[in-house]
Amino acid sequence: MAQDVISSRTVSIGELLRSGSFEPAKVQRDYCWGDKQQGALLEELIALFAQFGFDPDSESAVGALNASGISADPTLELAPRSPDLEKTAPYCFLGAVILYPANPHFGIYDGLQRLTTFTVLFAVLRDLLKAKKGDDLHSLLVTDDGHFRLNMPMKNETLVHDVLTSGRTAKPYKQLEDITEAGECLRDCVDVARGLLSGWTAERLQAFATFVSGSVLITVTTIRDVRIATKAFVDTNIAGVRLKPEEMLKGQLIDMAAAVPNTEKAADRILWVWRHIHDDLGKEGFDEFLRAVDFIERREYQSPDFPILLMDHIRQNYTGAEGYAWATERLMLYRSAFRWLFEQADADVAVGVHANLRRLQLLKYNQWRALAMLVWIRSHPRDLAKRMDIVDRSCFALSLTASDQRRFADVIGRKIDIFARGDFGQQGGFVFKMQQHTKIRKALTSPMQDSAKRSTIVRYAEAAAHGDRVPLYILAETSSVEHVYPRNPGNHWKEFEAGREFSELVMLREMLGNLCVLPHDELGNAGWEEKKKEYQRLKVCKFATEIAKQKTWTPDMIHARTQKLYEATMKFLDLGVDAD
């Protein structure tokens, strides 16, 4: 019987990789995912790893909560949490890939970015676990006859030399002046993966590798006609339109008007509120608003289908007139709170409580927005500044101690739950034990390889040094985190490098003491004297100005400055140590 021209099956990512070898179709673009896309995929996998019970790490004190001091306050009554809404089978579905069975490789017509990112992840896991030849992780990367499963023709053979070669992802990368953009993206992906998995035990790493290879599902569509495969590539990448969160909610909310008298008028009112908020906040702001509203209401880690879960939550907990009131009055209250978060977003200097909010905007995880909105809604004006100062400092500390987004979300969700039912509590209810203080010290004094985490830490430390008047350059899109001793020093830093091993120089480069924030990325790989002159000119930039006072720049200065910034940041955070 002749094979079908098009066939599909759903398999685990491990089954797919072990089924053969792969290379991009000629119509494919190069690997181009940046750290944002790479991090989003890997963090979702880590969160699901914990959600489904595969994570053997039993750590629970990631910034615990002290629930004492609860008293009844009906100002804003939230429905109970309903975590059962998110319970699913222990599988993660990652969409589809389109393959053409060429010889000797499968041609990848759709899914190259995901397959490449998974390949990098498995290579990092292999090297972190120091897996031997013949281990399961090797079979995901190398065929039985010794050929790499993913083949990507590229200049400098970056995939082979920097990723697939056993042990390579565990070593620092030397700068190549002629490295391609795809090569840089591969190296960035290694840094992102290593940053997210830093500090994991061997048991946890092995459990994660087993989960990803066996429980992440993907639909493989095999097309045996190259013309149809090419057409599928074009249609998938041009005609596809992502479903927006607002589209999952709008119609269902309007349907709630059927439960109250004068249905037509009620529906018009709901639609007016919806459009008003959408037009007021703009598309991107509206999506973030919905995410914040969902987290206030459900207090659960948010998967991509959060709008559907939010709607289920509303239907379950707000019936009849309560549902109509939620879709009108409460949404408008939430909208006012969300607008408050950004009142001084464009100000040259954010002052007072808005300095706290500007620092919070630097955090990688956005669940703090829901907590800040609730603080605004439920606080007397005399208490607002003190409470937001606590939220600011505690959420940054929590972002350094929580190993992934799910754990951060869990602590903030429980904090919202407690606050909605009672008082704000001593120190906002946040408790940091010695274990968390150790993690914070490590985060602030160790080399920072993960670019996203590095950006958050450096910007926050500099913003903290500005106190209650934080200038805009700290988080402006045009600003950049500057390496004083640069990534590609050339011949400008021979005196600095004298007697130092390459691996030590790579570590020194990424330490907090070697970093500052500049309004523009304009100095690059210049020498010390040129950089110093530029730093002297930037009077508003606190750290750059301090660095410019030095006569020279040495490794010892980096170590000393790292310790000084650590001590200053810890003094600002003023966390205290819980003895229990």
Protein backbone atom coordinates (compact mmCIF):
# COMPACT_ATOMS: atom_id res chain seq x y z
CA MET A 1 0.00 0.00 0.00
CA ALA A 2 1.39 3.40 -0.96
CA GLN A 3 2.31 5.78 1.86
CA ASP A 4 0.15 8.84 2.41
CA VAL A 5 1.65 12.06 1.08
CA ILE A 6 0.80 13.74 4.41
CA SER A 7 0.68 11.91 7.74
CA SER A 8 0.74 13.03 11.37
CA ARG A 9 1.48 11.50 14.74
CA THR A 10 2.03 12.84 18.24
CA VAL A 11 5.22 11.77 20.00
CA SER A 12 7.45 12.93 22.83
CA ILE A 13 10.35 15.23 21.95
CA GLY A 14 12.67 12.37 22.89
CA GLU A 15 10.98 9.98 20.45
CA LEU A 16 11.19 12.57 17.71
CA LEU A 17 14.90 13.25 18.16
CA ARG A 18 15.74 9.55 18.35
CA SER A 19 13.84 8.83 15.14
CA GLY A 20 16.62 10.08 12.85
CA SER A 21 18.67 13.15 12.02
CA PHE A 22 17.51 16.59 10.90
CA GLU A 23 18.59 19.66 8.98
CA PRO A 24 16.83 22.91 8.04
CA ALA A 25 15.04 23.01 4.71
CA LYS A 26 16.62 25.45 2.28
CA VAL A 27 13.64 27.79 2.66
CA GLN A 28 14.19 27.99 6.42
CA ARG A 29 15.66 31.04 8.12
CA ASP A 30 18.67 30.61 10.44
CA TYR A 31 18.30 29.98 14.14
CA CYS A 32 17.23 33.40 15.43
CA TRP A 33 15.53 32.97 18.78
CA GLY A 34 16.89 35.40 21.36
CA ASP A 35 17.10 34.98 25.12
CA LYS A 36 13.49 36.16 25.55
CA GLN A 37 12.03 33.32 23.44
CA GLN A 38 14.56 30.80 24.72
CA GLY A 39 13.91 31.73 28.34
CA ALA A 40 10.12 31.67 27.90
CA LEU A 41 10.19 28.10 26.56
CA LEU A 42 12.64 26.76 29.14
CA GLU A 43 10.93 28.47 32.08
CA GLU A 44 7.57 27.04 31.03
CA LEU A 45 9.14 23.57 30.99
CA ILE A 46 10.67 24.09 34.45
CA ALA A 47 7.32 25.30 35.82
CA LEU A 48 5.46 22.29 34.39
CA PHE A 49 8.20 20.02 35.72
CA ALA A 50 7.25 21.20 39.22
CA GLN A 51 3.49 21.34 38.58
CA PHE A 52 3.28 17.71 37.49
CA GLY A 53 5.27 16.46 40.49
CA PHE A 54 8.45 15.40 38.68
CA ASP A 55 10.71 17.83 40.58
CA PRO A 56 12.49 16.00 43.43
CA ASP A 57 13.63 19.29 45.00
CA SER A 58 11.48 19.67 48.10
CA GLU A 59 12.63 23.23 48.84
CA SER A 60 9.66 25.18 50.14
CA ALA A 61 11.16 28.21 51.87
CA VAL A 62 11.76 30.49 48.91
CA GLY A 63 10.63 33.57 50.77
CA ALA A 64 8.00 32.22 53.07
CA LEU A 65 4.96 34.10 54.35
CA ASN A 66 4.01 34.88 57.90
CA ALA A 67 0.23 34.78 57.98
CA SER A 68 -0.24 36.27 61.45
CA GLY A 69 -2.33 39.36 62.04
CA ILE A 70 -5.29 38.50 59.80
CA SER A 71 -8.46 40.44 60.44
CA ALA A 72 -11.70 40.62 58.50
CA ASP A 73 -11.89 43.41 55.91
CA PRO A 74 -14.63 43.31 53.24
CA THR A 75 -13.12 46.10 51.10
CA LEU A 76 -12.36 43.72 48.27
CA GLU A 77 -13.64 40.19 48.62
CA LEU A 78 -11.86 37.73 46.38
CA ALA A 79 -13.25 34.33 45.45
CA PRO A 80 -11.40 31.26 46.80
CA ARG A 81 -8.45 29.92 44.85
CA SER A 82 -9.37 27.06 42.54
CA PRO A 83 -6.12 25.28 41.59
CA ASP A 84 -8.07 22.24 40.33
CA LEU A 85 -8.88 24.26 37.21
CA GLU A 86 -5.26 23.88 36.07
CA LYS A 87 -4.92 20.15 36.73
CA THR A 88 -4.20 18.25 33.53
CA ALA A 89 -2.47 15.08 32.48
CA PRO A 90 1.30 15.23 33.07
CA TYR A 91 2.13 16.29 29.53
CA CYS A 92 3.18 19.49 27.85
CA PHE A 93 2.05 19.95 24.24
CA LEU A 94 4.40 22.04 22.15
CA GLY A 95 2.55 22.36 18.86
CA ALA A 96 3.62 20.84 15.56
CA VAL A 97 6.66 20.43 13.36
CA ILE A 98 6.64 19.79 9.62
CA LEU A 99 9.25 17.39 8.23
CA TYR A 100 10.17 16.19 4.74
CA PRO A 101 11.81 12.72 4.70
CA ALA A 102 14.91 13.43 2.59
CA ASN A 103 17.96 11.20 2.55
CA PRO A 104 19.88 10.98 4.85
CA HIS A 105 18.12 13.65 6.97
CA PHE A 106 14.60 14.85 7.66
CA GLY A 107 14.22 18.35 6.25
CA ILE A 108 12.72 20.74 8.85
CA TYR A 109 10.07 22.95 7.23
CA ASP A 110 8.54 24.19 10.49
CA GLY A 111 9.82 23.90 14.07
CA LEU A 112 13.51 24.67 13.59
CA GLN A 113 13.65 27.21 16.43
CA ARG A 114 12.10 24.79 18.94
CA LEU A 115 14.12 21.74 17.86
CA THR A 116 17.35 23.76 18.03
CA THR A 117 16.51 25.11 21.49
CA PHE A 118 15.76 21.58 22.73
CA THR A 119 19.04 20.37 21.25
CA VAL A 120 20.93 23.08 23.16
CA LEU A 121 19.05 22.21 26.35
CA PHE A 122 19.91 18.52 26.10
CA ALA A 123 23.56 19.39 25.36
CA VAL A 124 23.70 21.58 28.48
CA LEU A 125 22.08 18.82 30.57
CA ARG A 126 24.56 16.31 29.14
CA ASP A 127 27.51 18.46 30.19
CA LEU A 128 26.11 19.43 33.60
CA LEU A 129 25.54 15.75 34.36
CA LYS A 130 28.86 14.77 32.74
CA ALA A 131 26.93 12.05 30.91
CA LYS A 132 29.02 9.26 29.44
CA LYS A 133 28.80 7.94 25.91
CA GLY A 134 25.86 5.58 25.72
CA ASP A 135 23.72 7.48 28.27
CA ASP A 136 20.17 8.42 27.22
CA LEU A 137 21.11 12.09 26.83
CA HIS A 138 23.72 11.20 24.21
CA SER A 139 21.12 9.31 22.18
CA LEU A 140 19.12 12.55 21.88
CA LEU A 141 22.10 14.29 20.30
CA VAL A 142 24.00 11.58 18.44
CA THR A 143 22.81 8.70 16.23
CA ASP A 144 23.90 5.08 16.78
CA ASP A 145 26.52 5.45 14.05
CA GLY A 146 28.04 8.53 15.70
CA HIS A 147 26.55 11.38 13.63
CA PHE A 148 24.95 14.43 15.21
CA ARG A 149 21.16 14.38 14.97
CA LEU A 150 20.80 18.12 14.22
CA ASN A 151 22.83 19.39 11.27
CA MET A 152 22.92 23.09 10.61
CA PRO A 153 25.32 24.29 7.91
CA MET A 154 26.80 27.52 9.27
CA LYS A 155 30.00 29.51 9.34
CA ASN A 156 32.53 28.36 11.98
CA GLU A 157 30.40 25.22 12.56
CA THR A 158 29.16 26.88 15.76
CA LEU A 159 26.50 24.26 16.50
CA VAL A 160 29.07 21.46 16.32
CA HIS A 161 31.97 23.16 18.09
CA ASP A 162 30.07 25.19 20.72
CA VAL A 163 27.08 22.94 21.50
CA LEU A 164 27.16 19.36 20.23
CA THR A 165 30.77 18.49 21.08
CA SER A 166 30.70 16.68 24.42
CA GLY A 167 31.66 18.92 27.36
CA ARG A 168 31.71 22.14 25.31
CA THR A 169 28.78 23.98 26.89
CA ALA A 170 30.50 23.78 30.28
CA LYS A 171 33.44 25.91 29.08
CA PRO A 172 33.66 29.67 28.45
CA TYR A 173 33.37 30.87 24.85
CA LYS A 174 36.09 32.92 23.20
CA GLN A 175 34.97 35.86 21.16
CA LEU A 176 34.98 35.40 17.37
CA GLU A 177 34.96 38.57 15.33
CA ASP A 178 33.27 36.82 12.41
CA ILE A 179 30.68 34.83 14.35
CA THR A 180 27.24 34.86 12.69
CA GLU A 181 24.01 36.04 14.28
CA ALA A 182 22.81 32.43 14.43
CA GLY A 183 26.03 31.48 16.20
CA GLU A 184 25.52 34.24 18.78
CA CYS A 185 21.95 33.01 19.34
CA LEU A 186 23.23 29.48 19.97
CA ARG A 187 25.76 30.74 22.52
CA ASP A 188 23.06 32.88 24.16
CA CYS A 189 20.82 29.82 24.42
CA VAL A 190 23.59 27.94 26.21
CA ASP A 191 23.94 30.83 28.68
CA VAL A 192 20.17 30.97 29.25
CA ALA A 193 19.92 27.23 29.89
CA ARG A 194 22.95 27.16 32.19
CA GLY A 195 21.64 30.20 34.08
CA LEU A 196 18.23 28.61 34.68
CA LEU A 197 19.74 25.28 35.76
CA SER A 198 22.52 26.78 37.88
CA GLY A 199 22.82 25.19 41.31
CA TRP A 200 20.61 22.18 40.54
CA THR A 201 21.55 18.84 42.04
CA ALA A 202 22.42 15.92 39.76
CA GLU A 203 19.20 14.18 40.85
CA ARG A 204 17.10 17.16 39.86
CA LEU A 205 18.90 17.63 36.53
CA GLN A 206 18.36 13.97 35.65
CA ALA A 207 14.68 14.13 36.60
CA PHE A 208 14.25 17.24 34.44
CA ALA A 209 15.95 15.58 31.47
CA THR A 210 13.63 12.58 31.82
CA PHE A 211 10.57 14.84 32.04
CA VAL A 212 11.48 16.94 29.00
CA SER A 213 12.40 14.00 26.79
CA GLY A 214 9.39 11.88 27.78
CA SER A 215 6.53 14.22 28.72
CA VAL A 216 6.87 17.08 26.23
CA LEU A 217 4.68 16.11 23.29
CA ILE A 218 4.82 17.39 19.74
CA THR A 219 2.77 16.61 16.65
CA VAL A 220 4.97 15.58 13.75
CA THR A 221 3.48 16.14 10.31
CA THR A 222 5.48 14.32 7.65
CA ILE A 223 5.00 15.56 4.08
CA ARG A 224 6.54 13.43 1.35
CA ASP A 225 6.10 15.97 -1.45
CA VAL A 226 8.65 18.77 -1.31
CA ARG A 227 6.33 21.23 -3.10
CA ILE A 228 3.57 20.67 -0.53
CA ALA A 229 6.09 20.90 2.31
CA THR A 230 7.27 24.27 0.97
CA LYS A 231 3.68 25.47 0.65
CA ALA A 232 3.01 24.39 4.23
CA PHE A 233 6.06 26.37 5.39
CA VAL A 234 4.79 29.51 3.63
CA ASP A 235 1.23 29.15 4.93
CA THR A 236 2.37 28.43 8.49
CA ASN A 237 4.71 31.43 8.67
CA ILE A 238 2.62 33.97 6.77
CA ALA A 239 -1.05 33.16 7.23
CA GLY A 240 -1.00 32.24 10.92
CA VAL A 241 -2.51 34.74 13.40
CA ARG A 242 -1.97 34.22 17.10
CA LEU A 243 -5.13 34.03 19.19
CA LYS A 244 -5.16 37.01 21.54
CA PRO A 245 -6.05 36.66 25.24
CA GLU A 246 -8.79 39.27 24.88
CA GLU A 247 -10.48 37.22 22.16
CA MET A 248 -10.80 34.26 24.54
CA LEU A 249 -12.69 36.40 27.09
CA LYS A 250 -14.69 39.13 25.41
CA GLY A 251 -17.62 37.14 24.02
CA GLN A 252 -17.96 35.02 27.16
CA LEU A 253 -18.10 38.08 29.40
CA ILE A 254 -20.82 39.65 27.27
CA ASP A 255 -22.81 36.40 27.58
CA MET A 256 -22.94 37.00 31.34
CA ALA A 257 -25.41 39.81 30.71
CA ALA A 258 -28.05 37.13 30.04
CA ALA A 259 -28.21 36.46 33.79
CA VAL A 260 -29.49 39.95 34.72
CA PRO A 261 -32.65 41.94 33.85
CA ASN A 262 -32.55 44.17 30.76
CA THR A 263 -30.03 41.89 29.09
CA GLU A 264 -29.42 44.08 26.04
CA LYS A 265 -28.55 47.14 28.11
CA ALA A 266 -26.31 45.06 30.38
CA ALA A 267 -24.48 43.61 27.37
CA ASP A 268 -23.92 47.11 25.98
CA ARG A 269 -22.48 48.23 29.31
CA ILE A 270 -20.07 45.27 29.49
CA LEU A 271 -18.97 45.91 25.91
CA TRP A 272 -18.45 49.61 26.63
CA VAL A 273 -16.27 48.84 29.68
CA TRP A 274 -14.25 46.32 27.67
CA ARG A 275 -13.64 48.72 24.77
CA HIS A 276 -12.92 51.64 27.08
CA ILE A 277 -10.22 49.73 28.96
CA HIS A 278 -8.77 48.33 25.73
CA ASP A 279 -8.55 51.75 24.09
CA ASP A 280 -7.20 53.32 27.27
CA LEU A 281 -4.37 50.82 27.81
CA GLY A 282 -3.53 49.88 24.20
CA LYS A 283 -3.03 46.34 22.97
CA GLU A 284 0.13 45.43 24.86
CA GLY A 285 -1.02 47.14 28.04
CA PHE A 286 -4.42 45.45 27.79
CA ASP A 287 -2.84 41.99 27.56
CA GLU A 288 -0.70 42.71 30.63
CA PHE A 289 -3.77 44.08 32.41
CA LEU A 290 -5.69 40.84 31.79
CA ARG A 291 -2.75 38.84 33.09
CA ALA A 292 -2.63 40.94 36.29
CA VAL A 293 -6.39 40.66 36.78
CA ASP A 294 -6.21 36.90 36.34
CA PHE A 295 -3.47 36.62 38.95
CA ILE A 296 -5.39 38.69 41.50
CA GLU A 297 -8.45 36.52 40.98
CA ARG A 298 -6.93 33.02 40.74
CA ARG A 299 -3.54 33.49 42.48
CA GLU A 300 -2.12 30.63 40.42
CA TYR A 301 0.84 30.24 38.06
CA GLN A 302 -0.32 31.29 34.60
CA SER A 303 -0.05 28.95 31.65
CA PRO A 304 -0.74 30.28 28.10
CA ASP A 305 -4.42 29.36 28.41
CA PHE A 306 -4.92 31.59 31.47
CA PRO A 307 -7.83 33.55 29.88
CA ILE A 308 -9.86 30.34 29.57
CA LEU A 309 -9.10 29.42 33.19
CA LEU A 310 -10.00 32.97 34.31
CA MET A 311 -13.36 32.67 32.57
CA ASP A 312 -14.02 29.32 34.24
CA HIS A 313 -13.13 30.92 37.58
CA ILE A 314 -15.52 33.84 37.00
CA ARG A 315 -18.40 31.59 35.97
CA GLN A 316 -17.82 29.38 38.99
CA ASN A 317 -17.57 32.16 41.58
CA TYR A 318 -19.52 35.17 40.28
CA THR A 319 -23.06 34.26 39.24
CA GLY A 320 -26.00 36.39 38.16
CA ALA A 321 -25.72 40.03 39.22
CA GLU A 322 -22.30 39.36 40.79
CA GLY A 323 -20.96 38.33 37.38
CA TYR A 324 -22.30 41.51 35.79
CA ALA A 325 -20.77 43.61 38.60
CA TRP A 326 -17.43 41.86 38.10
CA ALA A 327 -17.47 42.55 34.34
CA THR A 328 -18.20 46.24 34.90
CA GLU A 329 -17.45 47.76 38.30
CA ARG A 330 -14.62 45.48 39.35
CA LEU A 331 -12.91 45.58 35.96
CA MET A 332 -12.96 49.39 36.11
CA LEU A 333 -11.49 49.29 39.62
CA TYR A 334 -8.73 46.99 38.40
CA ARG A 335 -8.16 49.30 35.45
CA SER A 336 -7.61 52.28 37.80
CA ALA A 337 -5.14 50.26 39.85
CA PHE A 338 -3.27 49.12 36.75
CA ARG A 339 -3.03 52.68 35.41
CA TRP A 340 -1.55 53.77 38.74
CA LEU A 341 1.37 51.38 38.24
CA PHE A 342 2.50 53.42 35.22
CA GLU A 343 1.60 56.99 36.26
CA GLN A 344 5.25 58.09 36.14
CA ALA A 345 6.46 55.55 33.58
CA ASP A 346 7.77 58.31 31.27
CA ALA A 347 8.96 60.75 33.94
CA ASP A 348 12.65 61.69 33.80
CA VAL A 349 12.81 60.85 37.51
CA ALA A 350 10.28 58.63 39.30
CA VAL A 351 9.77 59.91 42.84
CA GLY A 352 8.64 58.27 46.08
CA VAL A 353 6.28 55.35 45.64
CA HIS A 354 6.80 55.57 41.88
CA ALA A 355 10.53 54.98 42.44
CA ASN A 356 9.47 51.67 44.01
CA LEU A 357 7.31 50.90 40.99
CA ARG A 358 10.12 51.77 38.57
CA ARG A 359 12.40 49.30 40.32
CA LEU A 360 9.68 46.65 40.27
CA GLN A 361 9.33 47.11 36.51
CA LEU A 362 12.84 45.67 36.23
CA LEU A 363 11.81 42.27 37.57
CA LYS A 364 11.62 39.34 35.20
CA TYR A 365 8.41 37.95 36.70
CA ASN A 366 5.35 40.22 36.56
CA GLN A 367 3.10 38.73 39.25
CA TRP A 368 4.21 41.61 41.50
CA ARG A 369 1.84 43.82 39.49
CA ALA A 370 -1.18 41.99 40.88
CA LEU A 371 0.09 42.44 44.45
CA ALA A 372 0.87 46.13 43.88
CA MET A 373 -2.60 46.72 42.40
CA LEU A 374 -4.21 45.10 45.43
CA VAL A 375 -2.06 47.20 47.77
CA TRP A 376 -3.26 50.34 45.98
CA ILE A 377 -6.90 49.23 46.17
CA ARG A 378 -6.85 48.22 49.82
CA SER A 379 -4.46 50.72 51.45
CA HIS A 380 -5.16 54.00 53.19
CA PRO A 381 -3.07 56.80 51.58
CA ARG A 382 -0.97 57.09 54.75
CA ASP A 383 0.05 53.40 54.48
CA LEU A 384 0.64 53.19 50.73
CA ALA A 385 4.26 54.40 50.54
CA LYS A 386 5.50 52.14 53.35
CA ARG A 387 3.71 49.10 51.96
CA MET A 388 5.00 49.61 48.44
CA ASP A 389 8.53 50.03 49.78
CA ILE A 390 8.18 46.58 51.38
CA VAL A 391 6.73 45.08 48.18
CA ASP A 392 9.60 46.58 46.16
CA ARG A 393 12.40 45.20 48.33
CA SER A 394 10.78 41.84 49.08
CA CYS A 395 9.86 41.06 45.47
CA PHE A 396 13.40 41.73 44.27
CA ALA A 397 14.81 39.49 47.00
CA LEU A 398 12.22 36.84 46.13
CA SER A 399 13.21 37.00 42.45
CA LEU A 400 16.77 36.07 43.50
CA THR A 401 15.73 33.19 45.77
CA ALA A 402 12.88 31.61 43.78
CA SER A 403 14.39 29.15 41.32
CA ASP A 404 11.69 29.60 38.68
CA GLN A 405 8.55 31.54 37.81
CA ARG A 406 6.17 28.99 39.36
CA ARG A 407 7.78 29.35 42.78
CA PHE A 408 7.77 33.13 42.54
CA ALA A 409 4.10 33.02 41.53
CA ASP A 410 3.25 30.65 44.38
CA VAL A 411 4.66 32.99 47.05
CA ILE A 412 3.05 36.12 45.56
CA GLY A 413 -0.25 34.27 45.10
CA ARG A 414 -0.31 33.25 48.76
CA LYS A 415 0.60 36.81 49.77
CA ILE A 416 -2.36 38.17 47.79
CA ASP A 417 -4.61 35.53 49.37
CA ILE A 418 -3.58 36.56 52.88
CA PHE A 419 -3.76 40.29 52.22
CA ALA A 420 -7.20 40.04 50.60
CA ARG A 421 -8.50 38.34 53.75
CA GLY A 422 -6.81 40.53 56.35
CA ASP A 423 -4.03 42.93 57.29
CA PHE A 424 -0.87 43.65 55.32
CA GLY A 425 1.19 42.24 58.18
CA GLN A 426 4.66 42.83 59.60
CA GLN A 427 7.21 43.27 56.77
CA GLY A 428 4.36 42.54 54.36
CA GLY A 429 4.29 38.95 55.63
CA PHE A 430 7.50 38.13 53.75
CA VAL A 431 10.05 36.04 55.65
CA PHE A 432 13.60 35.36 54.46
CA LYS A 433 15.54 32.63 56.21
CA MET A 434 19.30 32.14 56.21
CA GLN A 435 18.93 29.82 53.21
CA GLN A 436 17.51 32.69 51.16
CA HIS A 437 20.19 35.12 52.35
CA THR A 438 22.83 32.68 51.13
CA LYS A 439 21.14 32.53 47.73
CA ILE A 440 20.95 36.32 47.53
CA ARG A 441 24.66 36.64 48.35
CA LYS A 442 25.52 34.10 45.67
CA ALA A 443 23.35 35.89 43.08
CA LEU A 444 24.96 39.26 43.79
CA THR A 445 28.60 38.17 44.15
CA SER A 446 28.95 35.39 41.54
CA PRO A 447 29.53 35.90 37.80
CA MET A 448 26.19 36.46 36.04
CA GLN A 449 26.05 34.43 32.82
CA ASP A 450 22.28 34.68 32.26
CA SER A 451 21.82 37.98 30.39
CA ALA A 452 18.22 38.53 31.55
CA LYS A 453 19.07 37.96 35.20
CA ARG A 454 22.23 40.05 34.84
CA SER A 455 20.22 42.94 33.45
CA THR A 456 17.71 42.78 36.32
CA ILE A 457 20.36 42.63 39.05
CA VAL A 458 22.60 45.40 37.69
CA ARG A 459 19.74 47.75 36.92
CA TYR A 460 18.08 47.13 40.28
CA ALA A 461 21.32 47.63 42.23
CA GLU A 462 21.90 50.93 40.44
CA ALA A 463 18.26 51.97 40.94
CA ALA A 464 18.56 51.13 44.66
CA ALA A 465 21.59 53.42 44.87
CA HIS A 466 19.33 56.27 43.65
CA GLY A 467 16.96 55.77 46.61
CA ASP A 468 13.52 57.34 46.21
CA ARG A 469 14.41 59.26 43.01
CA VAL A 470 15.05 56.78 40.20
CA PRO A 471 15.98 58.24 36.78
CA LEU A 472 14.47 56.94 33.54
CA TYR A 473 17.74 55.65 32.04
CA ILE A 474 17.63 52.72 34.49
CA LEU A 475 14.94 50.93 32.47
CA ALA A 476 14.80 52.85 29.18
CA GLU A 477 14.76 50.63 26.08
CA THR A 478 17.75 52.49 24.66
CA SER A 479 19.90 51.84 27.73
CA SER A 480 22.28 48.91 28.11
CA VAL A 481 24.25 47.03 30.74
CA GLU A 482 27.86 48.02 30.15
CA HIS A 483 30.85 45.73 30.78
CA VAL A 484 33.78 47.92 31.81
CA TYR A 485 36.24 45.16 30.93
CA PRO A 486 34.48 44.25 27.67
CA ARG A 487 33.38 41.01 26.06
CA ASN A 488 35.77 41.39 23.16
CA PRO A 489 38.75 43.32 24.58
CA GLY A 490 41.05 42.98 21.58
CA ASN A 491 44.46 44.54 22.31
CA HIS A 492 43.10 47.33 24.55
CA TRP A 493 43.28 45.43 27.85
CA LYS A 494 46.67 43.68 27.86
CA GLU A 495 47.70 45.15 31.23
CA PHE A 496 44.40 44.09 32.83
CA GLU A 497 44.71 40.55 31.43
CA ALA A 498 48.37 39.99 32.33
CA GLY A 499 48.88 36.68 34.13
CA ARG A 500 45.17 35.75 34.09
CA GLU A 501 43.66 32.59 32.61
CA PHE A 502 41.00 33.05 29.94
CA SER A 503 38.33 31.36 32.11
CA GLU A 504 39.08 33.74 35.00
CA LEU A 505 38.78 36.76 32.71
CA VAL A 506 35.38 35.53 31.49
CA MET A 507 34.20 35.27 35.10
CA LEU A 508 35.56 38.70 36.03
CA ARG A 509 33.78 40.24 33.07
CA GLU A 510 30.35 39.15 34.33
CA MET A 511 30.70 40.18 37.98
CA LEU A 512 28.54 42.95 39.41
CA GLY A 513 31.61 45.10 40.11
CA ASN A 514 32.46 45.23 36.39
CA LEU A 515 28.99 46.35 35.32
CA CYS A 516 26.96 49.54 35.13
CA VAL A 517 24.04 50.99 33.15
CA LEU A 518 24.52 53.45 30.28
CA PRO A 519 21.79 55.43 28.48
CA HIS A 520 22.99 54.04 25.13
CA ASP A 521 25.09 51.08 24.02
CA GLU A 522 27.87 53.15 22.54
CA LEU A 523 31.24 52.14 24.02
CA GLY A 524 31.45 48.47 23.09
CA ASN A 525 35.01 47.15 23.25
CA ALA A 526 36.89 50.39 23.78
CA GLY A 527 39.92 50.67 26.06
CA TRP A 528 39.87 51.95 29.66
CA GLU A 529 40.91 55.55 28.98
CA GLU A 530 38.27 56.03 26.28
CA LYS A 531 35.59 54.50 28.49
CA LYS A 532 36.61 56.56 31.48
CA LYS A 533 36.20 59.83 29.52
CA GLU A 534 32.73 58.76 28.43
CA TYR A 535 31.73 57.75 31.95
CA GLN A 536 32.82 61.17 33.27
CA ARG A 537 30.45 62.81 30.82
CA LEU A 538 27.41 60.83 32.05
CA LYS A 539 26.67 62.73 35.26
CA VAL A 540 23.22 61.14 35.73
CA CYS A 541 24.58 57.57 35.64
CA LYS A 542 25.52 56.80 39.23
CA PHE A 543 27.70 53.71 38.78
CA ALA A 544 29.45 55.00 35.65
CA THR A 545 30.32 58.21 37.51
CA GLU A 546 31.76 56.24 40.43
CA ILE A 547 33.84 54.04 38.09
CA ALA A 548 35.20 57.12 36.28
CA LYS A 549 36.88 58.26 39.51
CA GLN A 550 39.31 55.33 39.30
CA LYS A 551 42.75 55.96 37.80
CA THR A 552 42.88 52.49 36.30
CA TRP A 553 40.78 49.33 36.16
CA THR A 554 42.05 46.04 37.61
CA PRO A 555 40.68 42.60 38.58
CA ASP A 556 41.18 43.48 42.27
CA MET A 557 38.99 46.54 41.81
CA ILE A 558 36.23 44.38 40.33
CA HIS A 559 36.30 42.04 43.34
CA ALA A 560 36.31 44.95 45.81
CA ARG A 561 33.52 46.80 44.01
CA THR A 562 31.41 43.62 43.80
CA GLN A 563 31.62 43.22 47.59
CA LYS A 564 30.85 46.91 48.12
CA LEU A 565 27.75 46.78 45.89
CA TYR A 566 26.59 43.58 47.55
CA GLU A 567 26.80 45.22 50.99
CA ALA A 568 25.04 48.39 49.78
CA THR A 569 22.24 46.43 48.11
CA MET A 570 21.69 44.24 51.19
CA LYS A 571 21.55 47.37 53.36
CA PHE A 572 18.91 48.79 51.02
CA LEU A 573 16.88 45.54 51.07
CA ASP A 574 16.99 45.45 54.91
CA LEU A 575 15.46 41.98 54.97
CA GLY A 576 16.41 40.66 58.37
CA VAL A 577 16.88 36.94 59.02
CA ASP A 578 14.07 34.75 60.28
CA ALA A 579 15.43 32.39 62.92
CA ASP A 580 12.71 29.71 62.60
